[in-house]
Amino acid sequence: MREELSETLSAFVDGESVDPQALAQALSEPGAREMLIDFVLLRSACASAEQPSPAFYSAVSERLTPRRARRALRLVAAAAVLALAALGLFDLGERLHPGRNPNEPPTPTRVVRFEPGVDWKPIGDRR
């Protein structure tokens, strides 16, 4: 049986509006009676089926929720936070206590030389 004709029979059983000419043509096809019976049986089986209980929905929801992925993501996030905290503490320690003796002056990055009499003059020698 052609698909259009089986769709016409299915729509008729579902209570949808159907073109009478198309319904008459579908019913005249070989195998239409068996298909009509199958559609009616299927509709009655679906109509008498009970709704799933709330326990069923919660069980299905628990199984479909990706718990392992969520747990792994939390562990990775916690490890990242700990690593950043450790780096921050290390950097803070380096800033507070650099790798030199605090009583020594810092290492110069450049040396500025002043020539007496050229760049500066003694206090008693004001001209």
N, C-alpha and C. Protein backbone atom coordinates (compact mmCIF):
# COMPACT_ATOMS: atom_id res chain seq x y z
N MET A 1 0.85 -1.17 0.00
CA MET A 1 0.00 0.00 0.00
C MET A 1 0.89 1.24 0.00
N ARG A 2 0.47 2.22 -0.75
CA ARG A 2 1.25 3.44 -0.85
C ARG A 2 1.22 4.20 0.47
N GLU A 3 2.27 4.97 0.70
CA GLU A 3 2.42 5.68 1.98
C GLU A 3 1.33 6.73 2.16
N GLU A 4 0.95 7.43 1.09
CA GLU A 4 -0.08 8.46 1.21
C GLU A 4 -1.40 7.86 1.68
N LEU A 5 -1.71 6.67 1.18
CA LEU A 5 -2.97 6.02 1.56
C LEU A 5 -2.92 5.55 3.01
N SER A 6 -1.78 5.04 3.46
CA SER A 6 -1.68 4.62 4.86
C SER A 6 -1.74 5.84 5.78
N GLU A 7 -1.19 6.98 5.36
CA GLU A 7 -1.30 8.21 6.15
C GLU A 7 -2.75 8.67 6.23
N THR A 8 -3.49 8.49 5.16
CA THR A 8 -4.91 8.85 5.16
C THR A 8 -5.67 8.00 6.16
N LEU A 9 -5.42 6.70 6.17
CA LEU A 9 -6.09 5.82 7.13
C LEU A 9 -5.69 6.17 8.58
N SER A 10 -4.43 6.46 8.79
CA SER A 10 -3.96 6.82 10.13
C SER A 10 -4.61 8.11 10.61
N ALA A 11 -4.72 9.09 9.73
CA ALA A 11 -5.36 10.35 10.09
C ALA A 11 -6.83 10.13 10.39
N PHE A 12 -7.48 9.26 9.65
CA PHE A 12 -8.90 8.96 9.88
C PHE A 12 -9.11 8.34 11.27
N VAL A 13 -8.24 7.41 11.64
CA VAL A 13 -8.35 6.76 12.95
C VAL A 13 -8.06 7.75 14.07
N ASP A 14 -7.15 8.71 13.82
CA ASP A 14 -6.80 9.71 14.83
C ASP A 14 -7.85 10.80 14.96
N GLY A 15 -8.84 10.80 14.11
CA GLY A 15 -9.92 11.77 14.21
C GLY A 15 -9.65 13.06 13.46
N GLU A 16 -8.64 13.07 12.63
CA GLU A 16 -8.35 14.25 11.83
C GLU A 16 -9.29 14.32 10.64
N SER A 17 -9.41 15.51 10.05
CA SER A 17 -10.28 15.63 8.87
C SER A 17 -9.57 15.01 7.67
N VAL A 18 -10.30 14.22 6.92
CA VAL A 18 -9.74 13.47 5.79
C VAL A 18 -10.63 13.70 4.58
N ASP A 19 -10.01 13.82 3.42
CA ASP A 19 -10.76 13.97 2.18
C ASP A 19 -11.52 12.67 1.91
N PRO A 20 -12.82 12.72 1.72
CA PRO A 20 -13.61 11.49 1.51
C PRO A 20 -13.15 10.70 0.29
N GLN A 21 -12.75 11.37 -0.77
CA GLN A 21 -12.29 10.67 -1.97
C GLN A 21 -11.01 9.88 -1.66
N ALA A 22 -10.06 10.52 -0.90
CA ALA A 22 -8.81 9.86 -0.56
C ALA A 22 -9.07 8.68 0.38
N LEU A 23 -10.05 8.82 1.31
CA LEU A 23 -10.39 7.72 2.22
C LEU A 23 -11.00 6.56 1.45
N ALA A 24 -11.87 6.84 0.52
CA ALA A 24 -12.49 5.78 -0.28
C ALA A 24 -11.43 5.05 -1.11
N GLN A 25 -10.48 5.80 -1.65
CA GLN A 25 -9.42 5.17 -2.44
C GLN A 25 -8.52 4.32 -1.55
N ALA A 26 -8.21 4.81 -0.33
CA ALA A 26 -7.35 4.06 0.58
C ALA A 26 -8.03 2.77 1.03
N LEU A 27 -9.34 2.83 1.27
CA LEU A 27 -10.07 1.64 1.73
C LEU A 27 -10.22 0.61 0.61
N SER A 28 -10.15 1.05 -0.65
CA SER A 28 -10.30 0.10 -1.76
C SER A 28 -9.00 -0.64 -2.08
N GLU A 29 -7.90 -0.20 -1.52
CA GLU A 29 -6.61 -0.85 -1.79
C GLU A 29 -6.54 -2.20 -1.08
N PRO A 30 -5.76 -3.15 -1.64
CA PRO A 30 -5.58 -4.42 -0.95
C PRO A 30 -4.74 -4.21 0.33
N GLY A 31 -5.12 -4.84 1.42
CA GLY A 31 -4.42 -4.72 2.69
C GLY A 31 -4.90 -3.55 3.53
N ALA A 32 -5.87 -2.77 3.02
CA ALA A 32 -6.36 -1.61 3.76
C ALA A 32 -7.10 -2.02 5.02
N ARG A 33 -7.85 -3.14 4.94
CA ARG A 33 -8.60 -3.61 6.12
C ARG A 33 -7.66 -3.98 7.25
N GLU A 34 -6.59 -4.71 6.93
CA GLU A 34 -5.63 -5.12 7.96
C GLU A 34 -4.91 -3.91 8.56
N MET A 35 -4.58 -2.96 7.69
CA MET A 35 -3.89 -1.76 8.19
C MET A 35 -4.81 -0.94 9.07
N LEU A 36 -6.08 -0.84 8.71
CA LEU A 36 -7.05 -0.10 9.52
C LEU A 36 -7.20 -0.76 10.89
N ILE A 37 -7.24 -2.10 10.90
CA ILE A 37 -7.33 -2.83 12.17
C ILE A 37 -6.08 -2.58 13.01
N ASP A 38 -4.90 -2.60 12.38
CA ASP A 38 -3.66 -2.33 13.11
C ASP A 38 -3.66 -0.92 13.72
N PHE A 39 -4.12 0.07 12.97
CA PHE A 39 -4.17 1.44 13.48
C PHE A 39 -5.12 1.55 14.67
N VAL A 40 -6.27 0.89 14.59
CA VAL A 40 -7.24 0.93 15.69
C VAL A 40 -6.66 0.24 16.92
N LEU A 41 -6.02 -0.91 16.74
CA LEU A 41 -5.41 -1.62 17.87
C LEU A 41 -4.29 -0.78 18.51
N LEU A 42 -3.49 -0.16 17.68
CA LEU A 42 -2.41 0.68 18.19
C LEU A 42 -2.96 1.88 18.96
N ARG A 43 -3.99 2.49 18.43
CA ARG A 43 -4.61 3.65 19.12
C ARG A 43 -5.20 3.23 20.45
N SER A 44 -5.86 2.08 20.50
CA SER A 44 -6.45 1.64 21.77
C SER A 44 -5.36 1.25 22.77
N ALA A 45 -4.26 0.68 22.29
CA ALA A 45 -3.16 0.34 23.20
C ALA A 45 -2.53 1.60 23.78
N CYS A 46 -2.39 2.62 22.96
CA CYS A 46 -1.81 3.87 23.45
C CYS A 46 -2.76 4.61 24.38
N ALA A 47 -4.04 4.51 24.12
CA ALA A 47 -5.02 5.22 24.94
C ALA A 47 -5.14 4.59 26.32
N SER A 48 -4.97 3.26 26.41
CA SER A 48 -5.14 2.59 27.70
C SER A 48 -3.84 2.56 28.50
N ALA A 49 -2.75 3.01 27.93
CA ALA A 49 -1.48 3.00 28.65
C ALA A 49 -1.52 4.00 29.79
N GLU A 50 -0.99 3.59 30.94
CA GLU A 50 -0.97 4.48 32.10
C GLU A 50 0.18 5.47 31.98
N GLN A 51 -0.02 6.59 32.64
CA GLN A 51 1.06 7.57 32.70
C GLN A 51 2.13 7.06 33.66
N PRO A 52 3.39 7.29 33.37
CA PRO A 52 4.45 6.86 34.28
C PRO A 52 4.34 7.59 35.62
N SER A 53 4.76 6.90 36.66
CA SER A 53 4.68 7.48 38.00
C SER A 53 5.81 8.50 38.20
N PRO A 54 5.67 9.36 39.21
CA PRO A 54 6.76 10.30 39.51
C PRO A 54 8.06 9.58 39.85
N ALA A 55 7.98 8.41 40.45
CA ALA A 55 9.19 7.65 40.77
C ALA A 55 9.93 7.25 39.49
N PHE A 56 9.16 6.91 38.46
CA PHE A 56 9.77 6.57 37.17
C PHE A 56 10.52 7.77 36.61
N TYR A 57 9.87 8.94 36.63
CA TYR A 57 10.52 10.13 36.11
C TYR A 57 11.79 10.47 36.88
N SER A 58 11.76 10.33 38.21
CA SER A 58 12.96 10.65 38.99
C SER A 58 14.07 9.63 38.72
N ALA A 59 13.71 8.35 38.56
CA ALA A 59 14.72 7.33 38.26
C ALA A 59 15.37 7.58 36.90
N VAL A 60 14.55 7.93 35.92
CA VAL A 60 15.08 8.20 34.59
C VAL A 60 15.95 9.46 34.61
N SER A 61 15.50 10.46 35.35
CA SER A 61 16.26 11.70 35.44
C SER A 61 17.63 11.46 36.09
N GLU A 62 17.65 10.63 37.12
CA GLU A 62 18.92 10.32 37.78
C GLU A 62 19.88 9.61 36.83
N ARG A 63 19.35 8.71 36.03
CA ARG A 63 20.22 7.98 35.11
C ARG A 63 20.70 8.84 33.94
N LEU A 64 19.89 9.79 33.54
CA LEU A 64 20.26 10.61 32.39
C LEU A 64 21.14 11.81 32.77
N THR A 65 21.19 12.17 34.05
CA THR A 65 22.00 13.30 34.49
C THR A 65 23.46 12.89 34.48
N PRO A 66 24.31 13.64 33.80
CA PRO A 66 25.73 13.28 33.72
C PRO A 66 26.46 13.63 35.02
N ARG A 67 26.33 12.78 36.04
CA ARG A 67 26.95 13.06 37.34
C ARG A 67 28.46 12.99 37.27
N ARG A 68 28.98 12.00 36.57
CA ARG A 68 30.43 11.84 36.52
C ARG A 68 31.08 13.05 35.87
N ALA A 69 30.46 13.54 34.82
CA ALA A 69 31.02 14.71 34.15
C ALA A 69 30.99 15.92 35.07
N ARG A 70 29.90 16.08 35.82
CA ARG A 70 29.80 17.19 36.74
C ARG A 70 30.83 17.07 37.86
N ARG A 71 31.00 15.86 38.38
CA ARG A 71 31.97 15.63 39.45
C ARG A 71 33.38 15.89 38.94
N ALA A 72 33.69 15.43 37.74
CA ALA A 72 35.02 15.65 37.17
C ALA A 72 35.27 17.14 36.95
N LEU A 73 34.24 17.86 36.49
CA LEU A 73 34.38 19.29 36.27
C LEU A 73 34.64 20.00 37.59
N ARG A 74 33.96 19.60 38.65
CA ARG A 74 34.19 20.20 39.96
C ARG A 74 35.61 19.93 40.45
N LEU A 75 36.10 18.73 40.24
CA LEU A 75 37.46 18.41 40.66
C LEU A 75 38.49 19.23 39.89
N VAL A 76 38.29 19.39 38.61
CA VAL A 76 39.21 20.19 37.80
C VAL A 76 39.16 21.65 38.25
N ALA A 77 37.97 22.16 38.52
CA ALA A 77 37.85 23.54 38.98
C ALA A 77 38.52 23.72 40.34
N ALA A 78 38.35 22.77 41.24
CA ALA A 78 39.00 22.86 42.56
C ALA A 78 40.51 22.81 42.42
N ALA A 79 41.02 21.96 41.55
CA ALA A 79 42.47 21.88 41.33
C ALA A 79 43.00 23.19 40.75
N ALA A 80 42.25 23.79 39.84
CA ALA A 80 42.68 25.07 39.25
C ALA A 80 42.71 26.16 40.31
N VAL A 81 41.71 26.19 41.19
CA VAL A 81 41.68 27.19 42.25
C VAL A 81 42.86 27.00 43.19
N LEU A 82 43.15 25.76 43.56
CA LEU A 82 44.29 25.50 44.44
C LEU A 82 45.61 25.88 43.78
N ALA A 83 45.76 25.58 42.50
CA ALA A 83 46.98 25.93 41.79
C ALA A 83 47.16 27.45 41.72
N LEU A 84 46.08 28.17 41.43
CA LEU A 84 46.17 29.63 41.39
C LEU A 84 46.47 30.21 42.76
N ALA A 85 45.89 29.63 43.80
CA ALA A 85 46.16 30.10 45.16
C ALA A 85 47.63 29.87 45.51
N ALA A 86 48.17 28.71 45.16
CA ALA A 86 49.58 28.43 45.45
C ALA A 86 50.50 29.39 44.70
N LEU A 87 50.20 29.65 43.43
CA LEU A 87 51.00 30.61 42.66
C LEU A 87 50.91 32.01 43.25
N GLY A 88 49.73 32.39 43.68
CA GLY A 88 49.56 33.71 44.29
C GLY A 88 50.35 33.84 45.58
N LEU A 89 50.33 32.79 46.40
CA LEU A 89 51.11 32.82 47.64
C LEU A 89 52.61 32.86 47.35
N PHE A 90 53.05 32.12 46.36
CA PHE A 90 54.47 32.14 45.99
C PHE A 90 54.88 33.53 45.52
N ASP A 91 54.06 34.15 44.69
CA ASP A 91 54.36 35.49 44.19
C ASP A 91 54.36 36.50 45.32
N LEU A 92 53.42 36.39 46.23
CA LEU A 92 53.37 37.29 47.38
C LEU A 92 54.62 37.12 48.24
N GLY A 93 55.05 35.89 48.44
CA GLY A 93 56.26 35.65 49.21
C GLY A 93 57.48 36.23 48.55
N GLU A 94 57.56 36.13 47.24
CA GLU A 94 58.70 36.70 46.52
C GLU A 94 58.69 38.22 46.61
N ARG A 95 57.53 38.81 46.59
CA ARG A 95 57.45 40.27 46.67
C ARG A 95 57.80 40.76 48.08
N LEU A 96 57.34 40.03 49.07
CA LEU A 96 57.61 40.45 50.45
C LEU A 96 59.04 40.13 50.87
N HIS A 97 59.55 39.00 50.46
CA HIS A 97 60.89 38.57 50.84
C HIS A 97 61.67 38.12 49.61
N PRO A 98 62.22 39.08 48.88
CA PRO A 98 62.98 38.67 47.69
C PRO A 98 64.22 37.90 48.10
N GLY A 99 64.88 37.30 47.15
CA GLY A 99 66.02 36.42 47.40
C GLY A 99 67.30 37.16 47.75
N ARG A 100 67.26 38.17 48.58
CA ARG A 100 68.46 38.89 49.01
C ARG A 100 68.31 39.24 50.49
N ASN A 101 69.43 39.66 51.07
CA ASN A 101 69.43 40.07 52.46
C ASN A 101 68.74 41.43 52.56
N PRO A 102 67.78 41.60 53.46
CA PRO A 102 67.07 42.88 53.52
C PRO A 102 67.95 44.03 54.00
N ASN A 103 69.11 43.74 54.59
CA ASN A 103 70.00 44.80 55.06
C ASN A 103 70.91 45.31 53.95
N GLU A 104 71.00 44.62 52.85
CA GLU A 104 71.84 45.04 51.74
C GLU A 104 71.05 45.96 50.82
N PRO A 105 71.76 46.90 50.21
CA PRO A 105 71.05 47.75 49.25
C PRO A 105 70.72 46.95 47.99
N PRO A 106 69.75 47.39 47.26
CA PRO A 106 69.42 46.66 46.02
C PRO A 106 70.55 46.79 45.00
N THR A 107 70.61 45.86 44.10
CA THR A 107 71.61 45.88 43.04
C THR A 107 71.28 47.00 42.07
N PRO A 108 72.25 47.85 41.76
CA PRO A 108 71.94 48.97 40.85
C PRO A 108 71.73 48.48 39.43
N THR A 109 70.82 49.13 38.76
CA THR A 109 70.57 48.80 37.36
C THR A 109 71.35 49.73 36.45
N ARG A 110 71.70 50.93 36.97
CA ARG A 110 72.55 51.84 36.23
C ARG A 110 73.33 52.69 37.24
N VAL A 111 74.42 53.19 36.83
CA VAL A 111 75.27 54.00 37.70
C VAL A 111 75.27 55.43 37.17
N VAL A 112 74.94 56.37 38.05
CA VAL A 112 74.95 57.78 37.68
C VAL A 112 76.16 58.42 38.37
N ARG A 113 77.05 59.00 37.61
CA ARG A 113 78.26 59.60 38.17
C ARG A 113 78.14 61.13 38.08
N PHE A 114 78.53 61.76 39.19
CA PHE A 114 78.58 63.22 39.23
C PHE A 114 80.03 63.66 39.40
N GLU A 115 80.45 64.59 38.64
CA GLU A 115 81.80 65.13 38.70
C GLU A 115 81.79 66.35 39.63
N PRO A 116 82.64 66.33 40.66
CA PRO A 116 82.70 67.52 41.51
C PRO A 116 83.18 68.73 40.72
N GLY A 117 82.50 69.82 40.90
CA GLY A 117 82.83 71.06 40.20
C GLY A 117 82.15 71.18 38.86
N VAL A 118 81.70 70.08 38.28
CA VAL A 118 81.01 70.14 36.99
C VAL A 118 79.51 69.96 37.23
N ASP A 119 79.14 68.87 37.90
CA ASP A 119 77.74 68.58 38.14
C ASP A 119 77.25 69.20 39.46
N TRP A 120 78.15 69.42 40.38
CA TRP A 120 77.77 70.02 41.65
C TRP A 120 78.95 70.81 42.19
N LYS A 121 78.65 71.74 43.04
CA LYS A 121 79.69 72.61 43.60
C LYS A 121 79.60 72.53 45.11
N PRO A 122 80.71 72.58 45.80
CA PRO A 122 80.68 72.58 47.26
C PRO A 122 79.92 73.78 47.81
N ILE A 123 79.40 73.71 49.03
CA ILE A 123 78.56 74.76 49.61
C ILE A 123 79.35 76.06 49.77
N GLY A 124 80.59 75.97 50.17
CA GLY A 124 81.37 77.19 50.36
C GLY A 124 81.76 77.86 49.07
N ASP A 125 81.65 77.22 47.96
CA ASP A 125 82.12 77.74 46.67
C ASP A 125 80.90 78.13 45.81
N ARG A 126 80.20 79.20 46.20
CA ARG A 126 79.03 79.61 45.41
C ARG A 126 79.43 80.75 44.51
N ARG A 127 79.28 80.65 43.33
CA ARG A 127 79.62 81.71 42.37
C ARG A 127 78.46 82.18 41.63
